[in-house]
PDB file of all heavy atoms in Angstrom:
ATOM      1  N   GLU A   1     164.800  85.099 -65.018  1.00  0.00           N
ATOM      2  CA  GLU A   1     164.571  83.676 -65.277  1.00  0.00           C
ATOM      3  C   GLU A   1     163.776  82.963 -64.190  1.00  0.00           C
ATOM      4  O   GLU A   1     162.834  82.221 -64.470  1.00  0.00           O
ATOM      5  CB  GLU A   1     165.933  82.989 -65.463  1.00  0.00           C
ATOM      6  CG  GLU A   1     165.844  81.506 -65.745  1.00  0.00           C
ATOM      7  CD  GLU A   1     167.226  80.879 -65.860  1.00  0.00           C
ATOM      8  OE1 GLU A   1     168.221  81.603 -65.711  1.00  0.00           O
ATOM      9  OE2 GLU A   1     167.274  79.652 -66.079  1.00  0.00           O
ATOM     10  N   LYS A   2     164.144  83.163 -62.929  1.00  0.00           N
ATOM     11  CA  LYS A   2     163.491  82.424 -61.847  1.00  0.00           C
ATOM     12  C   LYS A   2     162.069  82.924 -61.589  1.00  0.00           C
ATOM     13  O   LYS A   2     161.185  82.146 -61.203  1.00  0.00           O
ATOM     14  CB  LYS A   2     164.332  82.516 -60.574  1.00  0.00           C
ATOM     15  CG  LYS A   2     165.686  81.821 -60.699  1.00  0.00           C
ATOM     16  CD  LYS A   2     165.513  80.325 -60.930  1.00  0.00           C
ATOM     17  CE  LYS A   2     166.850  79.607 -61.132  1.00  0.00           C
ATOM     18  NZ  LYS A   2     167.719  79.645 -59.958  1.00  0.00           N
ATOM     19  N   GLN A   3     161.838  84.219 -61.806  1.00  0.00           N
ATOM     20  CA  GLN A   3     160.467  84.719 -61.698  1.00  0.00           C
ATOM     21  C   GLN A   3     159.599  84.134 -62.817  1.00  0.00           C
ATOM     22  O   GLN A   3     158.440  83.772 -62.589  1.00  0.00           O
ATOM     23  CB  GLN A   3     160.443  86.247 -61.763  1.00  0.00           C
ATOM     24  CG  GLN A   3     161.072  86.929 -60.571  1.00  0.00           C
ATOM     25  CD  GLN A   3     161.120  88.424 -60.735  1.00  0.00           C
ATOM     26  OE1 GLN A   3     160.096  89.092 -60.732  1.00  0.00           O
ATOM     27  NE2 GLN A   3     162.321  88.970 -60.881  1.00  0.00           N
ATOM     28  N   LEU A   4     160.167  84.049 -64.009  1.00  0.00           N
ATOM     29  CA  LEU A   4     159.448  83.432 -65.123  1.00  0.00           C
ATOM     30  C   LEU A   4     159.126  81.972 -64.805  1.00  0.00           C
ATOM     31  O   LEU A   4     158.022  81.486 -65.096  1.00  0.00           O
ATOM     32  CB  LEU A   4     160.282  83.534 -66.400  1.00  0.00           C
ATOM     33  CG  LEU A   4     159.675  82.927 -67.668  1.00  0.00           C
ATOM     34  CD1 LEU A   4     158.356  83.605 -68.018  1.00  0.00           C
ATOM     35  CD2 LEU A   4     160.659  83.038 -68.840  1.00  0.00           C
ATOM     36  N   MET A   5     160.074  81.273 -64.189  1.00  0.00           N
ATOM     37  CA  MET A   5     159.850  79.885 -63.804  1.00  0.00           C
ATOM     38  C   MET A   5     158.677  79.782 -62.824  1.00  0.00           C
ATOM     39  O   MET A   5     157.813  78.901 -62.950  1.00  0.00           O
ATOM     40  CB  MET A   5     161.115  79.316 -63.158  1.00  0.00           C
ATOM     41  CG  MET A   5     160.987  77.855 -62.723  1.00  0.00           C
ATOM     42  SD  MET A   5     162.409  77.318 -61.726  1.00  0.00           S
ATOM     43  CE  MET A   5     163.756  77.646 -62.868  1.00  0.00           C
ATOM     44  N   ALA A   6     158.640  80.684 -61.853  1.00  0.00           N
ATOM     45  CA  ALA A   6     157.552  80.675 -60.867  1.00  0.00           C
ATOM     46  C   ALA A   6     156.203  80.919 -61.542  1.00  0.00           C
ATOM     47  O   ALA A   6     155.208  80.251 -61.227  1.00  0.00           O
ATOM     48  CB  ALA A   6     157.806  81.735 -59.801  1.00  0.00           C
ATOM     49  N   ALA A   7     156.178  81.876 -62.472  1.00  0.00           N
ATOM     50  CA  ALA A   7     154.929  82.178 -63.175  1.00  0.00           C
ATOM     51  C   ALA A   7     154.472  80.987 -64.006  1.00  0.00           C
ATOM     52  O   ALA A   7     153.275  80.674 -64.065  1.00  0.00           O
ATOM     53  CB  ALA A   7     155.116  83.408 -64.054  1.00  0.00           C
ATOM     54  N   LYS A   8     155.414  80.312 -64.638  1.00  0.00           N
ATOM     55  CA  LYS A   8     155.053  79.152 -65.457  1.00  0.00           C
ATOM     56  C   LYS A   8     154.591  77.989 -64.599  1.00  0.00           C
ATOM     57  O   LYS A   8     153.716  77.212 -65.005  1.00  0.00           O
ATOM     58  CB  LYS A   8     156.223  78.762 -66.351  1.00  0.00           C
ATOM     59  CG  LYS A   8     156.441  79.739 -67.505  1.00  0.00           C
ATOM     60  CD  LYS A   8     157.506  79.262 -68.473  1.00  0.00           C
ATOM     61  CE  LYS A   8     157.581  80.166 -69.699  1.00  0.00           C
ATOM     62  NZ  LYS A   8     158.598  79.732 -70.676  1.00  0.00           N
ATOM     63  N   LEU A   9     155.159  77.846 -63.397  1.00  0.00           N
ATOM     64  CA  LEU A   9     154.684  76.822 -62.472  1.00  0.00           C
ATOM     65  C   LEU A   9     153.216  77.057 -62.127  1.00  0.00           C
ATOM     66  O   LEU A   9     152.423  76.115 -62.059  1.00  0.00           O
ATOM     67  CB  LEU A   9     155.528  76.833 -61.196  1.00  0.00           C
ATOM     68  CG  LEU A   9     156.897  76.162 -61.252  1.00  0.00           C
ATOM     69  CD1 LEU A   9     157.665  76.432 -59.960  1.00  0.00           C
ATOM     70  CD2 LEU A   9     156.765  74.659 -61.486  1.00  0.00           C
ATOM     71  N   LEU A  10     152.863  78.310 -61.932  1.00  0.00           N
ATOM     72  CA  LEU A  10     151.469  78.644 -61.623  1.00  0.00           C
ATOM     73  C   LEU A  10     150.536  78.322 -62.779  1.00  0.00           C
ATOM     74  O   LEU A  10     149.357  78.026 -62.574  1.00  0.00           O
ATOM     75  CB  LEU A  10     151.350  80.134 -61.267  1.00  0.00           C
ATOM     76  CG  LEU A  10     151.902  80.558 -59.903  1.00  0.00           C
ATOM     77  CD1 LEU A  10     151.842  82.064 -59.764  1.00  0.00           C
ATOM     78  CD2 LEU A  10     151.123  79.889 -58.788  1.00  0.00           C
ATOM     79  N   SER A  11     151.076  78.374 -64.000  1.00  0.00           N
ATOM     80  CA  SER A  11     150.235  78.116 -65.172  1.00  0.00           C
ATOM     81  C   SER A  11     149.770  76.665 -65.244  1.00  0.00           C
ATOM     82  O   SER A  11     148.820  76.348 -65.963  1.00  0.00           O
ATOM     83  CB  SER A  11     150.982  78.484 -66.457  1.00  0.00           C
ATOM     84  OG  SER A  11     152.051  77.575 -66.703  1.00  0.00           O
ATOM     85  N   PHE A  12     150.428  75.771 -64.474  1.00  0.00           N
ATOM     86  CA  PHE A  12     150.006  74.377 -64.439  1.00  0.00           C
ATOM     87  C   PHE A  12     148.792  74.169 -63.524  1.00  0.00           C
ATOM     88  O   PHE A  12     148.158  73.113 -63.561  1.00  0.00           O
ATOM     89  CB  PHE A  12     151.159  73.477 -63.976  1.00  0.00           C
ATOM     90  CG  PHE A  12     152.243  73.330 -65.000  1.00  0.00           C
ATOM     91  CD1 PHE A  12     153.459  73.965 -64.848  1.00  0.00           C
ATOM     92  CD2 PHE A  12     152.040  72.554 -66.141  1.00  0.00           C
ATOM     93  CE1 PHE A  12     154.472  73.830 -65.788  1.00  0.00           C
ATOM     94  CE2 PHE A  12     153.048  72.417 -67.101  1.00  0.00           C
ATOM     95  CZ  PHE A  12     154.260  73.056 -66.928  1.00  0.00           C
ATOM     96  N   MET A  13     148.505  75.185 -62.723  1.00  0.00           N
ATOM     97  CA  MET A  13     147.333  75.112 -61.858  1.00  0.00           C
ATOM     98  C   MET A  13     146.089  75.489 -62.654  1.00  0.00           C
ATOM     99  O   MET A  13     146.185  76.068 -63.740  1.00  0.00           O
ATOM    100  CB  MET A  13     147.496  76.070 -60.677  1.00  0.00           C
ATOM    101  CG  MET A  13     148.684  75.775 -59.793  1.00  0.00           C
ATOM    102  SD  MET A  13     148.909  77.040 -58.540  1.00  0.00           S
ATOM    103  CE  MET A  13     147.364  76.906 -57.646  1.00  0.00           C
ATOM    104  N   PRO A  14     144.892  75.195 -62.142  1.00  0.00           N
ATOM    105  CA  PRO A  14     143.676  75.696 -62.789  1.00  0.00           C
ATOM    106  C   PRO A  14     143.739  77.219 -62.897  1.00  0.00           C
ATOM    107  O   PRO A  14     144.331  77.885 -62.043  1.00  0.00           O
ATOM    108  CB  PRO A  14     142.565  75.263 -61.821  1.00  0.00           C
ATOM    109  CG  PRO A  14     143.136  74.113 -61.080  1.00  0.00           C
ATOM    110  CD  PRO A  14     144.609  74.374 -60.964  1.00  0.00           C
ATOM    111  N   ALA A  15     143.165  77.765 -63.953  1.00  0.00           N
ATOM    112  CA  ALA A  15     143.219  79.214 -64.179  1.00  0.00           C
ATOM    113  C   ALA A  15     142.770  79.968 -62.924  1.00  0.00           C
ATOM    114  O   ALA A  15     141.648  79.777 -62.448  1.00  0.00           O
ATOM    115  CB  ALA A  15     142.347  79.583 -65.365  1.00  0.00           C
ATOM    116  N   LEU A  16     143.669  80.800 -62.393  1.00  0.00           N
ATOM    117  CA  LEU A  16     143.382  81.490 -61.139  1.00  0.00           C
ATOM    118  C   LEU A  16     142.142  82.375 -61.244  1.00  0.00           C
ATOM    119  O   LEU A  16     141.372  82.491 -60.297  1.00  0.00           O
ATOM    120  CB  LEU A  16     144.595  82.320 -60.714  1.00  0.00           C
ATOM    121  CG  LEU A  16     145.855  81.526 -60.360  1.00  0.00           C
ATOM    122  CD1 LEU A  16     147.003  82.471 -60.048  1.00  0.00           C
ATOM    123  CD2 LEU A  16     145.607  80.598 -59.183  1.00  0.00           C
ATOM    124  N   HIS A  17     141.961  82.991 -62.418  1.00  0.00           N
ATOM    125  CA  HIS A  17     140.822  83.901 -62.574  1.00  0.00           C
ATOM    126  C   HIS A  17     139.486  83.165 -62.694  1.00  0.00           C
ATOM    127  O   HIS A  17     138.440  83.810 -62.823  1.00  0.00           O
ATOM    128  CB  HIS A  17     141.037  84.824 -63.781  1.00  0.00           C
ATOM    129  CG  HIS A  17     141.071  84.121 -65.104  1.00  0.00           C
ATOM    130  ND1 HIS A  17     142.214  83.536 -65.596  1.00  0.00           N
ATOM    131  CD2 HIS A  17     140.114  83.903 -66.028  1.00  0.00           C
ATOM    132  CE1 HIS A  17     141.962  82.997 -66.766  1.00  0.00           C
ATOM    133  NE2 HIS A  17     140.691  83.199 -67.056  1.00  0.00           N
ATOM    134  N   LYS A  18     139.528  81.830 -62.626  1.00  0.00           N
ATOM    135  CA  LYS A  18     138.289  81.055 -62.642  1.00  0.00           C
ATOM    136  C   LYS A  18     137.981  80.440 -61.274  1.00  0.00           C
ATOM    137  O   LYS A  18     136.950  79.781 -61.110  1.00  0.00           O
ATOM    138  CB  LYS A  18     138.366  79.963 -63.707  1.00  0.00           C
ATOM    139  CG  LYS A  18     138.446  80.520 -65.134  1.00  0.00           C
ATOM    140  CD  LYS A  18     138.478  79.413 -66.173  1.00  0.00           C
ATOM    141  CE  LYS A  18     138.543  80.001 -67.580  1.00  0.00           C
ATOM    142  NZ  LYS A  18     138.610  78.947 -68.626  1.00  0.00           N
ATOM    143  N   LEU A  19     138.862  80.673 -60.310  1.00  0.00           N
ATOM    144  CA  LEU A  19     138.642  80.141 -58.972  1.00  0.00           C
ATOM    145  C   LEU A  19     137.624  80.985 -58.207  1.00  0.00           C
ATOM    146  O   LEU A  19     137.551  82.198 -58.380  1.00  0.00           O
ATOM    147  CB  LEU A  19     139.951  80.127 -58.177  1.00  0.00           C
ATOM    148  CG  LEU A  19     141.053  79.168 -58.617  1.00  0.00           C
ATOM    149  CD1 LEU A  19     142.284  79.365 -57.737  1.00  0.00           C
ATOM    150  CD2 LEU A  19     140.582  77.723 -58.547  1.00  0.00           C
ATOM    151  N   ALA A  20     136.873  80.341 -57.336  1.00  0.00           N
ATOM    152  CA  ALA A  20     136.023  81.078 -56.407  1.00  0.00           C
ATOM    153  C   ALA A  20     136.916  81.869 -55.452  1.00  0.00           C
ATOM    154  O   ALA A  20     137.970  81.371 -55.038  1.00  0.00           O
ATOM    155  CB  ALA A  20     135.140  80.122 -55.632  1.00  0.00           C
ATOM    156  N   PRO A  21     136.542  83.104 -55.090  1.00  0.00           N
ATOM    157  CA  PRO A  21     137.405  83.910 -54.224  1.00  0.00           C
ATOM    158  C   PRO A  21     137.847  83.208 -52.940  1.00  0.00           C
ATOM    159  O   PRO A  21     139.004  83.318 -52.541  1.00  0.00           O
ATOM    160  CB  PRO A  21     136.535  85.142 -53.922  1.00  0.00           C
ATOM    161  CG  PRO A  21     135.689  85.289 -55.138  1.00  0.00           C
ATOM    162  CD  PRO A  21     135.365  83.875 -55.559  1.00  0.00           C
ATOM    163  N   LYS A  22     136.954  82.448 -52.298  1.00  0.00           N
ATOM    164  CA  LYS A  22     137.321  81.790 -51.044  1.00  0.00           C
ATOM    165  C   LYS A  22     138.428  80.759 -51.258  1.00  0.00           C
ATOM    166  O   LYS A  22     139.296  80.588 -50.396  1.00  0.00           O
ATOM    167  CB  LYS A  22     136.089  81.135 -50.416  1.00  0.00           C
ATOM    168  CG  LYS A  22     135.111  82.156 -49.831  1.00  0.00           C
ATOM    169  CD  LYS A  22     133.948  81.485 -49.131  1.00  0.00           C
ATOM    170  CE  LYS A  22     133.006  82.520 -48.532  1.00  0.00           C
ATOM    171  NZ  LYS A  22     131.843  81.875 -47.854  1.00  0.00           N
ATOM    172  N   ILE A  23     138.408  80.071 -52.382  1.00  0.00           N
ATOM    173  CA  ILE A  23     139.459  79.098 -52.699  1.00  0.00           C
ATOM    174  C   ILE A  23     140.749  79.821 -53.084  1.00  0.00           C
ATOM    175  O   ILE A  23     141.847  79.451 -52.670  1.00  0.00           O
ATOM    176  CB  ILE A  23     139.010  78.158 -53.829  1.00  0.00           C
ATOM    177  CG1 ILE A  23     137.811  77.331 -53.368  1.00  0.00           C
ATOM    178  CG2 ILE A  23     140.149  77.251 -54.279  1.00  0.00           C
ATOM    179  CD1 ILE A  23     137.192  76.486 -54.450  1.00  0.00           C
ATOM    180  N   PHE A  24     140.600  80.871 -53.862  1.00  0.00           N
ATOM    181  CA  PHE A  24     141.749  81.657 -54.309  1.00  0.00           C
ATOM    182  C   PHE A  24     142.509  82.213 -53.110  1.00  0.00           C
ATOM    183  O   PHE A  24     143.747  82.257 -53.088  1.00  0.00           O
ATOM    184  CB  PHE A  24     141.267  82.785 -55.221  1.00  0.00           C
ATOM    185  CG  PHE A  24     142.341  83.405 -56.087  1.00  0.00           C
ATOM    186  CD1 PHE A  24     141.984  84.233 -57.142  1.00  0.00           C
ATOM    187  CD2 PHE A  24     143.694  83.180 -55.871  1.00  0.00           C
ATOM    188  CE1 PHE A  24     142.951  84.811 -57.957  1.00  0.00           C
ATOM    189  CE2 PHE A  24     144.665  83.761 -56.680  1.00  0.00           C
ATOM    190  CZ  PHE A  24     144.287  84.579 -57.711  1.00  0.00           C
ATOM    191  N   ARG A  25     141.800  82.642 -52.071  1.00  0.00           N
ATOM    192  CA  ARG A  25     142.451  83.199 -50.890  1.00  0.00           C
ATOM    193  C   ARG A  25     143.373  82.178 -50.221  1.00  0.00           C
ATOM    194  O   ARG A  25     144.471  82.509 -49.780  1.00  0.00           O
ATOM    195  CB  ARG A  25     141.392  83.703 -49.907  1.00  0.00           C
ATOM    196  CG  ARG A  25     140.655  84.932 -50.397  1.00  0.00           C
ATOM    197  CD  ARG A  25     139.385  85.205 -49.619  1.00  0.00           C
ATOM    198  NE  ARG A  25     138.576  86.216 -50.308  1.00  0.00           N
ATOM    199  CZ  ARG A  25     137.299  86.457 -50.051  1.00  0.00           C
ATOM    200  NH1 ARG A  25     136.660  85.762 -49.105  1.00  0.00           N
ATOM    201  NH2 ARG A  25     136.642  87.380 -50.735  1.00  0.00           N
ATOM    202  N   VAL A  26     142.937  80.943 -50.175  1.00  0.00           N
ATOM    203  CA  VAL A  26     143.750  79.879 -49.587  1.00  0.00           C
ATOM    204  C   VAL A  26     144.990  79.620 -50.455  1.00  0.00           C
ATOM    205  O   VAL A  26     146.106  79.503 -49.941  1.00  0.00           O
ATOM    206  CB  VAL A  26     142.926  78.587 -49.432  1.00  0.00           C
ATOM    207  CG1 VAL A  26     143.809  77.447 -48.941  1.00  0.00           C
ATOM    208  CG2 VAL A  26     141.759  78.811 -48.476  1.00  0.00           C
ATOM    209  N   VAL A  27     144.790  79.560 -51.767  1.00  0.00           N
ATOM    210  CA  VAL A  27     145.891  79.336 -52.704  1.00  0.00           C
ATOM    211  C   VAL A  27     146.937  80.451 -52.585  1.00  0.00           C
ATOM    212  O   VAL A  27     148.151  80.201 -52.549  1.00  0.00           O
ATOM    213  CB  VAL A  27     145.373  79.240 -54.153  1.00  0.00           C
ATOM    214  CG1 VAL A  27     146.530  79.219 -55.151  1.00  0.00           C
ATOM    215  CG2 VAL A  27     144.502  78.004 -54.331  1.00  0.00           C
ATOM    216  N   PHE A  28     146.474  81.684 -52.493  1.00  0.00           N
ATOM    217  CA  PHE A  28     147.362  82.838 -52.423  1.00  0.00           C
ATOM    218  C   PHE A  28     148.222  82.788 -51.159  1.00  0.00           C
ATOM    219  O   PHE A  28     149.440  83.017 -51.208  1.00  0.00           O
ATOM    220  CB  PHE A  28     146.525  84.112 -52.451  1.00  0.00           C
ATOM    221  CG  PHE A  28     147.323  85.389 -52.492  1.00  0.00           C
ATOM    222  CD1 PHE A  28     148.168  85.675 -53.549  1.00  0.00           C
ATOM    223  CD2 PHE A  28     147.220  86.327 -51.467  1.00  0.00           C
ATOM    224  CE1 PHE A  28     148.896  86.858 -53.599  1.00  0.00           C
ATOM    225  CE2 PHE A  28     147.944  87.512 -51.500  1.00  0.00           C
ATOM    226  CZ  PHE A  28     148.782  87.770 -52.565  1.00  0.00           C
ATOM    227  N   SER A  29     147.616  82.461 -50.024  1.00  0.00           N
ATOM    228  CA  SER A  29     148.365  82.375 -48.775  1.00  0.00           C
ATOM    229  C   SER A  29     149.376  81.231 -48.804  1.00  0.00           C
ATOM    230  O   SER A  29     150.503  81.364 -48.315  1.00  0.00           O
ATOM    231  CB  SER A  29     147.413  82.201 -47.592  1.00  0.00           C
ATOM    232  OG  SER A  29     146.683  83.392 -47.368  1.00  0.00           O
ATOM    233  N   LEU A  30     148.973  80.102 -49.399  1.00  0.00           N
ATOM    234  CA  LEU A  30     149.883  78.959 -49.506  1.00  0.00           C
ATOM    235  C   LEU A  30     151.074  79.280 -50.390  1.00  0.00           C
ATOM    236  O   LEU A  30     152.211  78.884 -50.096  1.00  0.00           O
ATOM    237  CB  LEU A  30     149.136  77.741 -50.057  1.00  0.00           C
ATOM    238  CG  LEU A  30     148.223  77.003 -49.077  1.00  0.00           C
ATOM    239  CD1 LEU A  30     147.441  75.921 -49.800  1.00  0.00           C
ATOM    240  CD2 LEU A  30     149.029  76.410 -47.920  1.00  0.00           C
ATOM    241  N   LEU A  31     150.824  80.005 -51.483  1.00  0.00           N
ATOM    242  CA  LEU A  31     151.903  80.407 -52.390  1.00  0.00           C
ATOM    243  C   LEU A  31     152.956  81.213 -51.650  1.00  0.00           C
ATOM    244  O   LEU A  31     154.162  80.945 -51.761  1.00  0.00           O
ATOM    245  CB  LEU A  31     151.339  81.219 -53.554  1.00  0.00           C
ATOM    246  CG  LEU A  31     152.372  81.871 -54.481  1.00  0.00           C
ATOM    247  CD1 LEU A  31     153.110  80.817 -55.291  1.00  0.00           C
ATOM    248  CD2 LEU A  31     151.701  82.876 -55.416  1.00  0.00           C
ATOM    249  N   ASP A  32     152.511  82.190 -50.872  1.00  0.00           N
ATOM    250  CA  ASP A  32     153.462  83.025 -50.136  1.00  0.00           C
ATOM    251  C   ASP A  32     154.207  82.198 -49.096  1.00  0.00           C
ATOM    252  O   ASP A  32     155.413  82.369 -48.893  1.00  0.00           O
ATOM    253  CB  ASP A  32     152.735  84.188 -49.467  1.00  0.00           C
ATOM    254  CG  ASP A  32     153.704  85.136 -48.780  1.00  0.00           C
ATOM    255  OD1 ASP A  32     154.372  85.912 -49.486  1.00  0.00           O
ATOM    256  OD2 ASP A  32     153.809  85.088 -47.538  1.00  0.00           O
ATOM    257  N   ARG A  33     153.516  81.283 -48.450  1.00  0.00           N
ATOM    258  CA  ARG A  33     154.146  80.452 -47.426  1.00  0.00           C
ATOM    259  C   ARG A  33     155.221  79.532 -48.033  1.00  0.00           C
ATOM    260  O   ARG A  33     156.287  79.323 -47.454  1.00  0.00           O
ATOM    261  CB  ARG A  33     153.069  79.615 -46.717  1.00  0.00           C
ATOM    262  CG  ARG A  33     153.565  78.771 -45.550  1.00  0.00           C
ATOM    263  CD  ARG A  33     154.063  79.630 -44.389  1.00  0.00           C
ATOM    264  NE  ARG A  33     153.026  80.484 -43.873  1.00  0.00           N
ATOM    265  CZ  ARG A  33     152.169  80.148 -42.901  1.00  0.00           C
ATOM    266  NH1 ARG A  33     152.239  78.944 -42.368  1.00  0.00           N
ATOM    267  NH2 ARG A  33     151.277  81.005 -42.463  1.00  0.00           N
ATOM    268  N   LEU A  34     154.933  78.995 -49.221  1.00  0.00           N
ATOM    269  CA  LEU A  34     155.851  78.051 -49.859  1.00  0.00           C
ATOM    270  C   LEU A  34     157.032  78.727 -50.551  1.00  0.00           C
ATOM    271  O   LEU A  34     158.161  78.242 -50.500  1.00  0.00           O
ATOM    272  CB  LEU A  34     155.095  77.193 -50.871  1.00  0.00           C
ATOM    273  CG  LEU A  34     154.083  76.191 -50.299  1.00  0.00           C
ATOM    274  CD1 LEU A  34     153.258  75.580 -51.425  1.00  0.00           C
ATOM    275  CD2 LEU A  34     154.791  75.110 -49.494  1.00  0.00           C
ATOM    276  N   LEU A  35     156.756  79.853 -51.229  1.00  0.00           N
ATOM    277  CA  LEU A  35     157.768  80.458 -52.104  1.00  0.00           C
ATOM    278  C   LEU A  35     158.259  81.826 -51.632  1.00  0.00           C
ATOM    279  O   LEU A  35     159.203  82.372 -52.203  1.00  0.00           O
ATOM    280  CB  LEU A  35     157.218  80.598 -53.531  1.00  0.00           C
ATOM    281  CG  LEU A  35     156.751  79.313 -54.219  1.00  0.00           C
ATOM    282  CD1 LEU A  35     156.238  79.632 -55.622  1.00  0.00           C
ATOM    283  CD2 LEU A  35     157.852  78.278 -54.268  1.00  0.00           C
ATOM    284  N   GLY A  36     157.622  82.374 -50.604  1.00  0.00           N
ATOM    285  CA  GLY A  36     157.939  83.731 -50.186  1.00  0.00           C
ATOM    286  C   GLY A  36     159.001  83.822 -49.107  1.00  0.00           C
ATOM    287  O   GLY A  36     159.818  82.914 -48.920  1.00  0.00           O
TER     288      GLY A  36
END
């Protein structure tokens, strides 16, 4: 349940596969810092 919640939270963000890699790298690090 909680993993599904996390995935659905991400779905509210702009589509990750449409981000420029340099922006995606920042988002990825922030995600781990906030939720990891």
